[in-house]
Amino acid sequence: MGTRRLTKLQTRKRLREIGIDRTAWPAFAFAEDLKRLSYAWHSHRRHQLLYAVRGTARLESKAAQFLLPPQRAAWIPAGTVHATHVNSAEIVSVYFDRSWSQERELQVFEVPPLLREMVLYARRWPIVRGRKDAHATAFFRALVGVIGTLTHRAPAYELPRARTELTRAAMTWVLGHLETSELGAAAKHCGTTPRTLRRRFLAETGLHFRAFVLQARMQRAMELLGEPSRSIVEVALDVGFRSQSAFAQAFRRVTGQAPRDFRKAAAGAAT
C-alpha cells in the first residue's frame, strides 16, 4: 500500500475541515493516528508543536529535512511553510496563538519526560470543546514556557536540502540506494566526477558525502525500526550495513541509543 500524498489543494481543504486556523481558542491540541499520509507544503496562522507519540514523522522546511521519533519534537512558528510525511504514527500537535511566543525559527529539540507528559495531558483540550476553562489557558501558558527552555539546541536527525540540481540529483540517488551508496556510483549517475561531486556536496551542505550517507542511513533506519515486522538484522542490511553489530555501533554513536531501545521508544514505551 503506497503513501497517500495530498496535493496543496487537498491539504488546504483538510486543514480547513479540521478548523486549525478558524477556532477562537488561543491554544488547543489535535491528535491524529496516521498511516502513510503526506501533507503538501502549507503553513498555519498559529505556532505548532509537532510530536509523534508513537512511530516517526518526517518534517520538511525550505532549508532542511528532519526526522521526528518520540525522542524529538518540532516547534513550527506561525507562517512557516513546511510539509509533513508519516508512514505510521500517532501524532499530537499543540497549537498556540502567535502572540504567545516570539520564537520565529523552526526548531527540532529533545523531548524530556516532562514535556511528553504535558503534551499527552493537553489532549483533554481539543479544538472542539465546551465552555471556556481557565485551567486550560494556565496549562497551555505553562507548556509554551517549557518549550521555550528547550529550543535553540543543536538540531538532531537533520538532512540538509540541496541548492543546485546536481546535488539534488545526488541526494535523491543516495536516498534510493542506501544499501549500496558510494561516491563513484552517485557521481556516475549524475554525469560528473567523484571529485566534483565531493566538492559541490561539501560546499552546499557543509557535509562530506560520506557523512550525508551515514545520516540518511540512520534516518531510514529510525523509520524502519518503527515497523515491528522488521527485525533489527533486516533493518541493518536494508540501510547498507553488513552486520548487526556494525549497525548497532553506528546507531548508538548517532542517537545515543541501541536500536532495540530506540524501537521501544518509537512504539510509545515510557522512557
C-alpha atoms as a PDB file:
ATOM      1  CA  MET A   1       0.000   0.000   0.000  1.00  0.00           C
ATOM      2  CA  GLY A   2       1.519   3.317  -1.081  1.00  0.00           C
ATOM      3  CA  THR A   3       1.597   6.630   0.703  1.00  0.00           C
ATOM      4  CA  ARG A   4      -1.331   8.953   0.105  1.00  0.00           C
ATOM      5  CA  ARG A   5       0.245  12.260  -0.938  1.00  0.00           C
ATOM      6  CA  LEU A   6      -2.168  15.139  -0.604  1.00  0.00           C
ATOM      7  CA  THR A   7      -1.919  17.952  -3.128  1.00  0.00           C
ATOM      8  CA  LYS A   8      -1.700  21.556  -1.912  1.00  0.00           C
ATOM      9  CA  LEU A   9      -5.427  21.951  -2.562  1.00  0.00           C
ATOM     10  CA  GLN A  10      -6.279  18.736  -0.700  1.00  0.00           C
ATOM     11  CA  THR A  11      -4.018  19.773   2.178  1.00  0.00           C
ATOM     12  CA  ARG A  12      -5.710  23.178   2.496  1.00  0.00           C
ATOM     13  CA  LYS A  13      -9.134  21.513   2.371  1.00  0.00           C
ATOM     14  CA  ARG A  14      -8.221  19.025   5.100  1.00  0.00           C
ATOM     15  CA  LEU A  15      -6.828  21.760   7.359  1.00  0.00           C
ATOM     16  CA  ARG A  16      -9.967  23.852   6.831  1.00  0.00           C
ATOM     17  CA  GLU A  17     -12.103  20.864   7.806  1.00  0.00           C
ATOM     18  CA  ILE A  18     -10.072  20.419  10.968  1.00  0.00           C
ATOM     19  CA  GLY A  19     -10.519  24.134  11.716  1.00  0.00           C
ATOM     20  CA  ILE A  20      -6.997  24.870  12.935  1.00  0.00           C
ATOM     21  CA  ASP A  21      -6.998  28.498  11.786  1.00  0.00           C
ATOM     22  CA  ARG A  22     -10.684  29.194  12.438  1.00  0.00           C
ATOM     23  CA  THR A  23     -11.186  28.349  16.098  1.00  0.00           C
ATOM     24  CA  ALA A  24     -11.425  31.078  18.740  1.00  0.00           C
ATOM     25  CA  TRP A  25      -9.426  29.105  21.295  1.00  0.00           C
ATOM     26  CA  PRO A  26      -5.945  30.610  21.804  1.00  0.00           C
ATOM     27  CA  ALA A  27      -4.437  27.131  22.303  1.00  0.00           C
ATOM     28  CA  PHE A  28      -5.569  23.564  21.763  1.00  0.00           C
ATOM     29  CA  ALA A  29      -4.324  20.050  20.992  1.00  0.00           C
ATOM     30  CA  PHE A  30      -5.060  17.960  17.926  1.00  0.00           C
ATOM     31  CA  ALA A  31      -4.343  14.216  17.786  1.00  0.00           C
ATOM     32  CA  GLU A  32      -4.139  12.083  14.640  1.00  0.00           C
ATOM     33  CA  ASP A  33      -3.364   8.411  14.119  1.00  0.00           C
ATOM     34  CA  LEU A  34      -1.947   8.491  10.602  1.00  0.00           C
ATOM     35  CA  LYS A  35      -0.871   5.764   8.197  1.00  0.00           C
ATOM     36  CA  ARG A  36       1.075   6.564   5.021  1.00  0.00           C
ATOM     37  CA  LEU A  37      -0.064  10.147   4.615  1.00  0.00           C
ATOM     38  CA  SER A  38       1.840  13.198   3.357  1.00  0.00           C
ATOM     39  CA  TYR A  39       0.706  16.795   3.708  1.00  0.00           C
ATOM     40  CA  ALA A  40       1.889  19.104   0.908  1.00  0.00           C
ATOM     41  CA  TRP A  41       3.626  22.428   1.576  1.00  0.00           C
ATOM     42  CA  HIS A  42       1.484  24.609   3.844  1.00  0.00           C
ATOM     43  CA  SER A  43       1.615  26.990   6.801  1.00  0.00           C
ATOM     44  CA  HIS A  44      -0.542  27.903   9.807  1.00  0.00           C
ATOM     45  CA  ARG A  45      -1.560  31.177  11.374  1.00  0.00           C
ATOM     46  CA  ARG A  46      -0.650  29.684  14.747  1.00  0.00           C
ATOM     47  CA  HIS A  47       2.533  28.282  16.214  1.00  0.00           C
ATOM     48  CA  GLN A  48       2.632  24.467  16.167  1.00  0.00           C
ATOM     49  CA  LEU A  49       4.357  21.914  18.364  1.00  0.00           C
ATOM     50  CA  LEU A  50       4.569  18.681  16.342  1.00  0.00           C
ATOM     51  CA  TYR A  51       5.205  15.472  18.278  1.00  0.00           C
ATOM     52  CA  ALA A  52       4.984  11.774  17.382  1.00  0.00           C
ATOM     53  CA  VAL A  53       3.826   9.855  20.438  1.00  0.00           C
ATOM     54  CA  ARG A  54       4.371   6.605  18.555  1.00  0.00           C
ATOM     55  CA  GLY A  55       6.186   5.930  15.297  1.00  0.00           C
ATOM     56  CA  THR A  56       8.051   8.632  13.398  1.00  0.00           C
ATOM     57  CA  ALA A  57       7.155  11.676  11.333  1.00  0.00           C
ATOM     58  CA  ARG A  58       9.253  13.449   8.728  1.00  0.00           C
ATOM     59  CA  LEU A  59       9.210  17.232   8.575  1.00  0.00           C
ATOM     60  CA  GLU A  60      10.457  19.314   5.652  1.00  0.00           C
ATOM     61  CA  SER A  61      11.218  23.013   5.617  1.00  0.00           C
ATOM     62  CA  LYS A  62      12.710  25.044   2.806  1.00  0.00           C
ATOM     63  CA  ALA A  63      16.143  24.627   4.412  1.00  0.00           C
ATOM     64  CA  ALA A  64      16.254  21.052   5.715  1.00  0.00           C
ATOM     65  CA  GLN A  65      14.544  17.736   6.350  1.00  0.00           C
ATOM     66  CA  PHE A  66      14.035  16.398   9.877  1.00  0.00           C
ATOM     67  CA  LEU A  67      13.059  13.047  11.316  1.00  0.00           C
ATOM     68  CA  LEU A  68      10.846  13.175  14.408  1.00  0.00           C
ATOM     69  CA  PRO A  69      10.796   9.996  16.500  1.00  0.00           C
ATOM     70  CA  PRO A  70       9.269  10.111  20.023  1.00  0.00           C
ATOM     71  CA  GLN A  71      12.596  11.444  21.331  1.00  0.00           C
ATOM     72  CA  ARG A  72      12.252  14.678  19.324  1.00  0.00           C
ATOM     73  CA  ALA A  73       9.630  17.346  18.682  1.00  0.00           C
ATOM     74  CA  ALA A  74       9.443  20.310  16.333  1.00  0.00           C
ATOM     75  CA  TRP A  75       8.463  23.895  17.022  1.00  0.00           C
ATOM     76  CA  ILE A  76       6.987  25.320  13.810  1.00  0.00           C
ATOM     77  CA  PRO A  77       6.427  29.083  14.078  1.00  0.00           C
ATOM     78  CA  ALA A  78       3.291  30.664  12.646  1.00  0.00           C
ATOM     79  CA  GLY A  79       3.635  31.320   8.939  1.00  0.00           C
ATOM     80  CA  THR A  80       6.474  28.823   8.408  1.00  0.00           C
ATOM     81  CA  VAL A  81       5.997  26.852   5.188  1.00  0.00           C
ATOM     82  CA  HIS A  82       6.517  23.145   5.792  1.00  0.00           C
ATOM     83  CA  ALA A  83       5.448  19.653   4.718  1.00  0.00           C
ATOM     84  CA  THR A  84       4.940  16.533   6.822  1.00  0.00           C
ATOM     85  CA  HIS A  85       5.124  12.851   5.941  1.00  0.00           C
ATOM     86  CA  VAL A  86       4.015   9.947   8.123  1.00  0.00           C
ATOM     87  CA  ASN A  87       4.405   6.236   7.490  1.00  0.00           C
ATOM     88  CA  SER A  88       2.572   5.060  10.597  1.00  0.00           C
ATOM     89  CA  ALA A  89       2.461   7.213  13.703  1.00  0.00           C
ATOM     90  CA  GLU A  90       0.282   8.712  16.400  1.00  0.00           C
ATOM     91  CA  ILE A  91       0.749  12.465  16.131  1.00  0.00           C
ATOM     92  CA  VAL A  92      -0.167  15.088  18.693  1.00  0.00           C
ATOM     93  CA  SER A  93       0.108  18.725  17.659  1.00  0.00           C
ATOM     94  CA  VAL A  94      -0.398  21.610  20.050  1.00  0.00           C
ATOM     95  CA  TYR A  95      -1.263  24.973  18.520  1.00  0.00           C
ATOM     96  CA  PHE A  96      -0.723  28.370  20.139  1.00  0.00           C
ATOM     97  CA  ASP A  97      -1.870  31.848  19.213  1.00  0.00           C
ATOM     98  CA  ARG A  98       1.024  33.642  17.513  1.00  0.00           C
ATOM     99  CA  SER A  99       1.041  36.308  20.237  1.00  0.00           C
ATOM    100  CA  TRP A 100       2.006  33.698  22.825  1.00  0.00           C
ATOM    101  CA  SER A 101       5.594  33.310  21.602  1.00  0.00           C
ATOM    102  CA  GLN A 102       8.165  35.484  19.855  1.00  0.00           C
ATOM    103  CA  GLU A 103      10.116  32.453  18.599  1.00  0.00           C
ATOM    104  CA  ARG A 104      10.208  32.722  14.799  1.00  0.00           C
ATOM    105  CA  GLU A 105      12.715  29.980  13.966  1.00  0.00           C
ATOM    106  CA  LEU A 106      11.829  26.362  13.250  1.00  0.00           C
ATOM    107  CA  GLN A 107      13.408  24.216  15.962  1.00  0.00           C
ATOM    108  CA  VAL A 108      13.825  20.479  16.500  1.00  0.00           C
ATOM    109  CA  PHE A 109      14.717  19.505  20.050  1.00  0.00           C
ATOM    110  CA  GLU A 110      14.887  16.750  22.659  1.00  0.00           C
ATOM    111  CA  VAL A 111      11.673  15.776  24.431  1.00  0.00           C
ATOM    112  CA  PRO A 112      12.225  15.207  28.155  1.00  0.00           C
ATOM    113  CA  PRO A 113       9.665  13.153  30.131  1.00  0.00           C
ATOM    114  CA  LEU A 114       8.017  16.323  31.490  1.00  0.00           C
ATOM    115  CA  LEU A 115       7.232  17.685  28.024  1.00  0.00           C
ATOM    116  CA  ARG A 116       5.990  14.311  26.800  1.00  0.00           C
ATOM    117  CA  GLU A 117       3.542  14.044  29.689  1.00  0.00           C
ATOM    118  CA  MET A 118       2.370  17.632  29.214  1.00  0.00           C
ATOM    119  CA  VAL A 119       1.699  17.024  25.507  1.00  0.00           C
ATOM    120  CA  LEU A 120      -0.279  13.881  26.322  1.00  0.00           C
ATOM    121  CA  TYR A 121      -2.215  15.764  29.001  1.00  0.00           C
ATOM    122  CA  ALA A 122      -3.000  18.583  26.538  1.00  0.00           C
ATOM    123  CA  ARG A 123      -5.212  16.207  24.551  1.00  0.00           C
ATOM    124  CA  ARG A 124      -8.035  16.837  27.027  1.00  0.00           C
ATOM    125  CA  TRP A 125      -8.444  20.284  25.410  1.00  0.00           C
ATOM    126  CA  PRO A 126      -9.041  19.582  21.691  1.00  0.00           C
ATOM    127  CA  ILE A 127     -10.047  22.072  19.034  1.00  0.00           C
ATOM    128  CA  VAL A 128     -13.733  21.297  19.614  1.00  0.00           C
ATOM    129  CA  ARG A 129     -14.655  21.567  23.260  1.00  0.00           C
ATOM    130  CA  GLY A 130     -17.223  23.067  25.582  1.00  0.00           C
ATOM    131  CA  ARG A 131     -17.166  26.234  27.631  1.00  0.00           C
ATOM    132  CA  LYS A 132     -14.064  28.209  28.477  1.00  0.00           C
ATOM    133  CA  ASP A 133     -11.783  26.564  31.016  1.00  0.00           C
ATOM    134  CA  ALA A 134      -9.398  28.817  32.935  1.00  0.00           C
ATOM    135  CA  HIS A 135      -7.233  25.797  33.748  1.00  0.00           C
ATOM    136  CA  ALA A 136      -6.663  25.223  30.028  1.00  0.00           C
ATOM    137  CA  THR A 137      -5.211  28.692  29.489  1.00  0.00           C
ATOM    138  CA  ALA A 138      -2.915  28.340  32.500  1.00  0.00           C
ATOM    139  CA  PHE A 139      -1.783  24.913  31.355  1.00  0.00           C
ATOM    140  CA  PHE A 140      -1.043  25.935  27.770  1.00  0.00           C
ATOM    141  CA  ARG A 141       0.835  29.008  29.005  1.00  0.00           C
ATOM    142  CA  ALA A 142       2.995  26.722  31.130  1.00  0.00           C
ATOM    143  CA  LEU A 143       3.506  24.371  28.187  1.00  0.00           C
ATOM    144  CA  VAL A 144       4.720  27.088  25.846  1.00  0.00           C
ATOM    145  CA  GLY A 145       7.069  28.216  28.620  1.00  0.00           C
ATOM    146  CA  VAL A 146       8.586  24.734  28.884  1.00  0.00           C
ATOM    147  CA  ILE A 147       9.035  24.611  25.111  1.00  0.00           C
ATOM    148  CA  GLY A 148      10.876  27.927  25.259  1.00  0.00           C
ATOM    149  CA  THR A 149      13.502  26.424  27.557  1.00  0.00           C
ATOM    150  CA  LEU A 150      14.191  23.553  25.126  1.00  0.00           C
ATOM    151  CA  THR A 151      14.585  25.348  21.802  1.00  0.00           C
ATOM    152  CA  HIS A 152      17.807  26.741  20.347  1.00  0.00           C
ATOM    153  CA  ARG A 153      19.669  23.500  20.784  1.00  0.00           C
ATOM    154  CA  ALA A 154      21.651  21.691  18.114  1.00  0.00           C
ATOM    155  CA  PRO A 155      19.291  20.179  15.505  1.00  0.00           C
ATOM    156  CA  ALA A 156      19.051  16.418  15.522  1.00  0.00           C
ATOM    157  CA  TYR A 157      18.229  13.870  12.847  1.00  0.00           C
ATOM    158  CA  GLU A 158      18.505  16.546  10.159  1.00  0.00           C
ATOM    159  CA  LEU A 159      19.285  16.207   6.463  1.00  0.00           C
ATOM    160  CA  PRO A 160      20.187  19.376   4.536  1.00  0.00           C
ATOM    161  CA  ARG A 161      18.378  20.324   1.351  1.00  0.00           C
ATOM    162  CA  ALA A 162      20.216  20.819  -1.942  1.00  0.00           C
ATOM    163  CA  ARG A 163      20.609  24.212  -3.615  1.00  0.00           C
ATOM    164  CA  THR A 164      21.537  23.019  -7.124  1.00  0.00           C
ATOM    165  CA  GLU A 165      20.228  20.342  -9.458  1.00  0.00           C
ATOM    166  CA  LEU A 166      23.459  18.337  -9.340  1.00  0.00           C
ATOM    167  CA  THR A 167      23.450  17.963  -5.568  1.00  0.00           C
ATOM    168  CA  ARG A 168      19.701  17.397  -5.537  1.00  0.00           C
ATOM    169  CA  ALA A 169      20.090  14.538  -8.024  1.00  0.00           C
ATOM    170  CA  ALA A 170      22.890  13.025  -5.937  1.00  0.00           C
ATOM    171  CA  MET A 171      20.783  13.199  -2.746  1.00  0.00           C
ATOM    172  CA  THR A 172      17.814  11.601  -4.467  1.00  0.00           C
ATOM    173  CA  TRP A 173      20.031   8.787  -5.755  1.00  0.00           C
ATOM    174  CA  VAL A 174      21.511   8.214  -2.295  1.00  0.00           C
ATOM    175  CA  LEU A 175      18.083   8.028  -0.656  1.00  0.00           C
ATOM    176  CA  GLY A 176      17.047   5.421  -3.207  1.00  0.00           C
ATOM    177  CA  HIS A 177      20.224   3.332  -2.897  1.00  0.00           C
ATOM    178  CA  LEU A 178      21.125   3.436   0.794  1.00  0.00           C
ATOM    179  CA  GLU A 179      22.332  -0.158   0.839  1.00  0.00           C
ATOM    180  CA  THR A 180      24.983   0.486  -1.839  1.00  0.00           C
ATOM    181  CA  SER A 181      25.579   4.260  -1.792  1.00  0.00           C
ATOM    182  CA  GLU A 182      29.105   5.115  -2.928  1.00  0.00           C
ATOM    183  CA  LEU A 183      30.557   8.380  -4.174  1.00  0.00           C
ATOM    184  CA  GLY A 184      31.681   6.920  -7.503  1.00  0.00           C
ATOM    185  CA  ALA A 185      28.288   5.426  -8.304  1.00  0.00           C
ATOM    186  CA  ALA A 186      26.485   8.624  -7.319  1.00  0.00           C
ATOM    187  CA  ALA A 187      28.825  10.723  -9.473  1.00  0.00           C
ATOM    188  CA  LYS A 188      28.315   8.397 -12.455  1.00  0.00           C
ATOM    189  CA  HIS A 189      24.550   8.631 -12.056  1.00  0.00           C
ATOM    190  CA  CYS A 190      24.764  12.446 -12.026  1.00  0.00           C
ATOM    191  CA  GLY A 191      27.124  12.614 -15.009  1.00  0.00           C
ATOM    192  CA  THR A 192      30.028  14.157 -13.127  1.00  0.00           C
ATOM    193  CA  THR A 193      33.301  13.117 -11.467  1.00  0.00           C
ATOM    194  CA  PRO A 194      33.661  11.967  -7.860  1.00  0.00           C
ATOM    195  CA  ARG A 195      35.981  14.902  -7.166  1.00  0.00           C
ATOM    196  CA  THR A 196      33.458  17.450  -8.460  1.00  0.00           C
ATOM    197  CA  LEU A 197      30.544  15.873  -6.594  1.00  0.00           C
ATOM    198  CA  ARG A 198      32.549  15.683  -3.374  1.00  0.00           C
ATOM    199  CA  ARG A 199      33.480  19.363  -3.622  1.00  0.00           C
ATOM    200  CA  ARG A 200      29.987  20.550  -4.572  1.00  0.00           C
ATOM    201  CA  PHE A 201      28.367  18.452  -1.861  1.00  0.00           C
ATOM    202  CA  LEU A 202      30.545  19.897   0.874  1.00  0.00           C
ATOM    203  CA  ALA A 203      30.156  23.475  -0.380  1.00  0.00           C
ATOM    204  CA  GLU A 204      26.349  23.273  -0.471  1.00  0.00           C
ATOM    205  CA  THR A 205      25.558  21.213   2.594  1.00  0.00           C
ATOM    206  CA  GLY A 206      28.514  21.595   4.922  1.00  0.00           C
ATOM    207  CA  LEU A 207      28.698  17.795   4.991  1.00  0.00           C
ATOM    208  CA  HIS A 208      31.107  15.395   3.340  1.00  0.00           C
ATOM    209  CA  PHE A 209      29.357  12.920   1.055  1.00  0.00           C
ATOM    210  CA  ARG A 210      30.031  10.009   3.416  1.00  0.00           C
ATOM    211  CA  ALA A 211      28.593  11.953   6.369  1.00  0.00           C
ATOM    212  CA  PHE A 212      25.404  12.628   4.403  1.00  0.00           C
ATOM    213  CA  VAL A 213      25.101   8.941   3.511  1.00  0.00           C
ATOM    214  CA  LEU A 214      25.507   7.966   7.172  1.00  0.00           C
ATOM    215  CA  GLN A 215      22.860  10.447   8.313  1.00  0.00           C
ATOM    216  CA  ALA A 216      20.498   9.302   5.568  1.00  0.00           C
ATOM    217  CA  ARG A 217      21.034   5.673   6.589  1.00  0.00           C
ATOM    218  CA  MET A 218      20.344   6.500  10.232  1.00  0.00           C
ATOM    219  CA  GLN A 219      17.153   8.368   9.360  1.00  0.00           C
ATOM    220  CA  ARG A 220      15.883   5.476   7.281  1.00  0.00           C
ATOM    221  CA  ALA A 221      16.861   3.021   9.997  1.00  0.00           C
ATOM    222  CA  MET A 222      14.843   5.007  12.545  1.00  0.00           C
ATOM    223  CA  GLU A 223      11.791   4.806  10.313  1.00  0.00           C
ATOM    224  CA  LEU A 224      12.215   1.071   9.713  1.00  0.00           C
ATOM    225  CA  LEU A 225      12.694   0.397  13.423  1.00  0.00           C
ATOM    226  CA  GLY A 226       9.190   1.779  13.878  1.00  0.00           C
ATOM    227  CA  GLU A 227       7.861  -1.197  11.892  1.00  0.00           C
ATOM    228  CA  PRO A 228       7.572  -4.179  14.282  1.00  0.00           C
ATOM    229  CA  SER A 229       7.540  -6.679  11.415  1.00  0.00           C
ATOM    230  CA  ARG A 230      11.184  -5.943  10.533  1.00  0.00           C
ATOM    231  CA  SER A 231      13.970  -7.493  12.571  1.00  0.00           C
ATOM    232  CA  ILE A 232      16.958  -5.374  13.549  1.00  0.00           C
ATOM    233  CA  VAL A 233      19.145  -7.517  11.278  1.00  0.00           C
ATOM    234  CA  GLU A 234      16.843  -6.766   8.334  1.00  0.00           C
ATOM    235  CA  VAL A 235      16.959  -3.048   9.111  1.00  0.00           C
ATOM    236  CA  ALA A 236      20.762  -3.135   9.248  1.00  0.00           C
ATOM    237  CA  LEU A 237      21.020  -4.837   5.858  1.00  0.00           C
ATOM    238  CA  ASP A 238      18.376  -2.594   4.278  1.00  0.00           C
ATOM    239  CA  VAL A 239      20.363   0.555   5.098  1.00  0.00           C
ATOM    240  CA  GLY A 240      23.736  -0.756   3.990  1.00  0.00           C
ATOM    241  CA  PHE A 241      25.417  -2.399   6.994  1.00  0.00           C
ATOM    242  CA  ARG A 242      26.956  -5.828   6.644  1.00  0.00           C
ATOM    243  CA  SER A 243      26.335  -6.901  10.223  1.00  0.00           C
ATOM    244  CA  GLN A 244      24.005  -6.134  13.102  1.00  0.00           C
ATOM    245  CA  SER A 245      26.943  -5.278  15.385  1.00  0.00           C
ATOM    246  CA  ALA A 246      28.346  -2.663  12.983  1.00  0.00           C
ATOM    247  CA  PHE A 247      24.896  -1.174  12.600  1.00  0.00           C
ATOM    248  CA  ALA A 248      24.328  -1.086  16.367  1.00  0.00           C
ATOM    249  CA  GLN A 249      27.646   0.697  16.956  1.00  0.00           C
ATOM    250  CA  ALA A 250      26.930   3.332  14.303  1.00  0.00           C
ATOM    251  CA  PHE A 251      23.366   3.790  15.504  1.00  0.00           C
ATOM    252  CA  ARG A 252      24.448   4.315  19.097  1.00  0.00           C
ATOM    253  CA  ARG A 253      27.080   6.878  18.055  1.00  0.00           C
ATOM    254  CA  VAL A 254      24.449   8.927  16.217  1.00  0.00           C
ATOM    255  CA  THR A 255      21.442   8.586  18.534  1.00  0.00           C
ATOM    256  CA  GLY A 256      22.929   7.652  21.894  1.00  0.00           C
ATOM    257  CA  GLN A 257      20.653   4.593  21.983  1.00  0.00           C
ATOM    258  CA  ALA A 258      20.805   0.954  20.990  1.00  0.00           C
ATOM    259  CA  PRO A 259      18.466   0.072  18.105  1.00  0.00           C
ATOM    260  CA  ARG A 260      16.370  -2.103  20.419  1.00  0.00           C
ATOM    261  CA  ASP A 261      15.874   0.752  22.911  1.00  0.00           C
ATOM    262  CA  PHE A 262      15.032   3.163  20.113  1.00  0.00           C
ATOM    263  CA  ARG A 263      12.409   0.725  18.837  1.00  0.00           C
ATOM    264  CA  LYS A 264      10.776   0.555  22.263  1.00  0.00           C
ATOM    265  CA  ALA A 265      10.602   4.354  22.441  1.00  0.00           C
ATOM    266  CA  ALA A 266       9.169   4.588  18.907  1.00  0.00           C
ATOM    267  CA  ALA A 267       6.464   2.125  19.940  1.00  0.00           C
ATOM    268  CA  GLY A 268       5.404   4.593  22.633  1.00  0.00           C
ATOM    269  CA  ALA A 269       7.020   2.852  25.583  1.00  0.00           C
ATOM    270  CA  ALA A 270       7.867   5.016  28.561  1.00  0.00           C
ATOM    271  CA  THR A 271      11.415   6.377  28.595  1.00  0.00           C
END
